[in-house]
Amino acid sequence: MNATPSEYTCLDYEMRWSVECLLSDFKSRGFGITESQMVRSEKLANLILVLCIKTFDTEY
């Protein structure tokens, strides 16, 4: 890749990387979302929403 990354490209990559890290945290680094044993999708969606809010609240 010969082109110099634009500001947009850098921000896009930063956002993508933070999502990848967040999903990794959900799966295996402490949140244990795969072990939550929730069967209703609404409850699981609410759990993910709360975890996202809490994660970004403490990071930023």
N, C-alpha and C. Protein backbone atom coordinates (compact mmCIF):
# COMPACT_ATOMS: atom_id res chain seq x y z
N MET A 1 0.85 -1.17 0.00
CA MET A 1 0.00 0.00 0.00
C MET A 1 0.90 1.23 0.00
N ASN A 2 0.88 1.96 -1.08
CA ASN A 2 1.76 3.10 -1.23
C ASN A 2 1.14 4.41 -0.77
N ALA A 3 -0.17 4.47 -0.69
CA ALA A 3 -0.84 5.72 -0.34
C ALA A 3 -0.71 5.99 1.16
N THR A 4 -0.56 7.25 1.49
CA THR A 4 -0.54 7.65 2.89
C THR A 4 -1.96 7.58 3.44
N PRO A 5 -2.15 6.95 4.59
CA PRO A 5 -3.50 6.85 5.15
C PRO A 5 -4.09 8.22 5.46
N SER A 6 -5.33 8.38 5.13
CA SER A 6 -6.01 9.64 5.44
C SER A 6 -6.48 9.62 6.89
N GLU A 7 -6.91 10.76 7.36
CA GLU A 7 -7.44 10.85 8.72
C GLU A 7 -8.66 9.94 8.87
N TYR A 8 -9.50 9.91 7.84
CA TYR A 8 -10.69 9.06 7.86
C TYR A 8 -10.30 7.59 7.97
N THR A 9 -9.30 7.18 7.21
CA THR A 9 -8.85 5.79 7.24
C THR A 9 -8.33 5.42 8.62
N CYS A 10 -7.57 6.31 9.23
CA CYS A 10 -7.04 6.05 10.57
C CYS A 10 -8.15 5.95 11.61
N LEU A 11 -9.11 6.86 11.55
CA LEU A 11 -10.23 6.81 12.50
C LEU A 11 -11.07 5.56 12.29
N ASP A 12 -11.27 5.18 11.04
CA ASP A 12 -12.04 3.98 10.73
C ASP A 12 -11.35 2.75 11.30
N TYR A 13 -10.05 2.66 11.12
CA TYR A 13 -9.29 1.53 11.64
C TYR A 13 -9.31 1.52 13.16
N GLU A 14 -9.20 2.69 13.78
CA GLU A 14 -9.24 2.78 15.24
C GLU A 14 -10.58 2.27 15.78
N MET A 15 -11.67 2.67 15.11
CA MET A 15 -13.00 2.24 15.55
C MET A 15 -13.15 0.73 15.37
N ARG A 16 -12.69 0.23 14.25
CA ARG A 16 -12.78 -1.21 13.99
C ARG A 16 -11.99 -1.99 15.03
N TRP A 17 -10.80 -1.52 15.36
CA TRP A 17 -9.96 -2.22 16.33
C TRP A 17 -10.61 -2.21 17.71
N SER A 18 -11.23 -1.10 18.09
CA SER A 18 -11.88 -1.05 19.41
C SER A 18 -13.05 -2.02 19.47
N VAL A 19 -13.77 -2.19 18.37
CA VAL A 19 -14.87 -3.16 18.34
C VAL A 19 -14.32 -4.57 18.45
N GLU A 20 -13.24 -4.86 17.74
CA GLU A 20 -12.63 -6.19 17.83
C GLU A 20 -12.20 -6.50 19.27
N CYS A 21 -11.60 -5.54 19.93
CA CYS A 21 -11.18 -5.74 21.33
C CYS A 21 -12.39 -5.94 22.23
N LEU A 22 -13.44 -5.17 22.00
CA LEU A 22 -14.65 -5.29 22.81
C LEU A 22 -15.27 -6.68 22.64
N LEU A 23 -15.37 -7.16 21.41
CA LEU A 23 -15.93 -8.49 21.18
C LEU A 23 -15.07 -9.57 21.82
N SER A 24 -13.77 -9.40 21.77
CA SER A 24 -12.88 -10.35 22.42
C SER A 24 -13.09 -10.35 23.93
N ASP A 25 -13.27 -9.16 24.51
CA ASP A 25 -13.57 -9.06 25.94
C ASP A 25 -14.87 -9.77 26.28
N PHE A 26 -15.88 -9.57 25.45
CA PHE A 26 -17.17 -10.22 25.68
C PHE A 26 -17.03 -11.73 25.72
N LYS A 27 -16.22 -12.27 24.83
CA LYS A 27 -16.13 -13.71 24.68
C LYS A 27 -15.25 -14.37 25.73
N SER A 28 -14.08 -13.81 26.00
CA SER A 28 -13.14 -14.60 26.79
C SER A 28 -12.31 -13.85 27.82
N ARG A 29 -12.42 -12.56 27.93
CA ARG A 29 -11.53 -11.84 28.84
C ARG A 29 -12.25 -11.21 30.02
N GLY A 30 -13.14 -11.91 30.63
CA GLY A 30 -13.71 -11.38 31.86
C GLY A 30 -15.21 -11.20 31.87
N PHE A 31 -15.81 -10.81 30.75
CA PHE A 31 -17.26 -10.64 30.77
C PHE A 31 -17.98 -11.98 30.76
N GLY A 32 -17.41 -12.98 30.12
CA GLY A 32 -18.00 -14.31 30.10
C GLY A 32 -19.37 -14.36 29.48
N ILE A 33 -19.59 -13.60 28.43
CA ILE A 33 -20.92 -13.52 27.85
C ILE A 33 -21.36 -14.87 27.26
N THR A 34 -20.41 -15.68 26.84
CA THR A 34 -20.78 -16.99 26.30
C THR A 34 -21.26 -17.94 27.39
N GLU A 35 -20.92 -17.64 28.64
CA GLU A 35 -21.38 -18.46 29.76
C GLU A 35 -22.60 -17.87 30.46
N SER A 36 -23.20 -16.85 29.89
CA SER A 36 -24.31 -16.16 30.57
C SER A 36 -25.57 -17.01 30.64
N GLN A 37 -25.71 -18.02 29.80
CA GLN A 37 -26.86 -18.93 29.78
C GLN A 37 -28.17 -18.21 29.51
N MET A 38 -28.12 -17.08 28.85
CA MET A 38 -29.35 -16.38 28.49
C MET A 38 -29.89 -16.97 27.20
N VAL A 39 -31.19 -17.22 27.19
CA VAL A 39 -31.79 -17.81 26.00
C VAL A 39 -32.68 -16.82 25.25
N ARG A 40 -33.15 -15.78 25.92
CA ARG A 40 -33.98 -14.78 25.25
C ARG A 40 -33.09 -13.72 24.63
N SER A 41 -33.28 -13.50 23.35
CA SER A 41 -32.42 -12.56 22.62
C SER A 41 -32.54 -11.14 23.15
N GLU A 42 -33.72 -10.75 23.64
CA GLU A 42 -33.89 -9.40 24.17
C GLU A 42 -33.02 -9.17 25.40
N LYS A 43 -32.96 -10.16 26.27
CA LYS A 43 -32.15 -10.03 27.48
C LYS A 43 -30.66 -10.02 27.14
N LEU A 44 -30.27 -10.84 26.18
CA LEU A 44 -28.88 -10.86 25.76
C LEU A 44 -28.50 -9.53 25.11
N ALA A 45 -29.39 -8.98 24.31
CA ALA A 45 -29.14 -7.67 23.68
C ALA A 45 -29.00 -6.59 24.74
N ASN A 46 -29.83 -6.63 25.77
CA ASN A 46 -29.73 -5.65 26.87
C ASN A 46 -28.41 -5.80 27.62
N LEU A 47 -27.98 -7.03 27.84
CA LEU A 47 -26.71 -7.26 28.52
C LEU A 47 -25.56 -6.69 27.69
N ILE A 48 -25.57 -6.94 26.39
CA ILE A 48 -24.52 -6.41 25.52
C ILE A 48 -24.54 -4.89 25.52
N LEU A 49 -25.72 -4.30 25.49
CA LEU A 49 -25.83 -2.83 25.52
C LEU A 49 -25.23 -2.26 26.80
N VAL A 50 -25.56 -2.85 27.93
CA VAL A 50 -25.03 -2.38 29.21
C VAL A 50 -23.51 -2.53 29.25
N LEU A 51 -23.00 -3.65 28.76
CA LEU A 51 -21.55 -3.85 28.75
C LEU A 51 -20.85 -2.84 27.84
N CYS A 52 -21.46 -2.54 26.69
CA CYS A 52 -20.88 -1.54 25.78
C CYS A 52 -20.84 -0.16 26.44
N ILE A 53 -21.95 0.22 27.04
CA ILE A 53 -22.02 1.54 27.69
C ILE A 53 -20.99 1.63 28.80
N LYS A 54 -20.91 0.61 29.62
CA LYS A 54 -19.96 0.62 30.72
C LYS A 54 -18.52 0.64 30.22
N THR A 55 -18.23 -0.14 29.20
CA THR A 55 -16.88 -0.19 28.65
C THR A 55 -16.45 1.16 28.11
N PHE A 56 -17.29 1.78 27.28
CA PHE A 56 -16.92 3.06 26.68
C PHE A 56 -16.99 4.20 27.69
N ASP A 57 -17.79 4.06 28.72
CA ASP A 57 -17.85 5.08 29.77
C ASP A 57 -16.55 5.13 30.55
N THR A 58 -15.96 3.97 30.81
CA THR A 58 -14.73 3.93 31.59
C THR A 58 -13.50 4.22 30.74
N GLU A 59 -13.56 3.97 29.42
CA GLU A 59 -12.41 4.20 28.56
C GLU A 59 -12.30 5.64 28.10
N TYR A 60 -13.41 6.32 27.93
CA TYR A 60 -13.38 7.67 27.37
C TYR A 60 -13.85 8.62 28.40
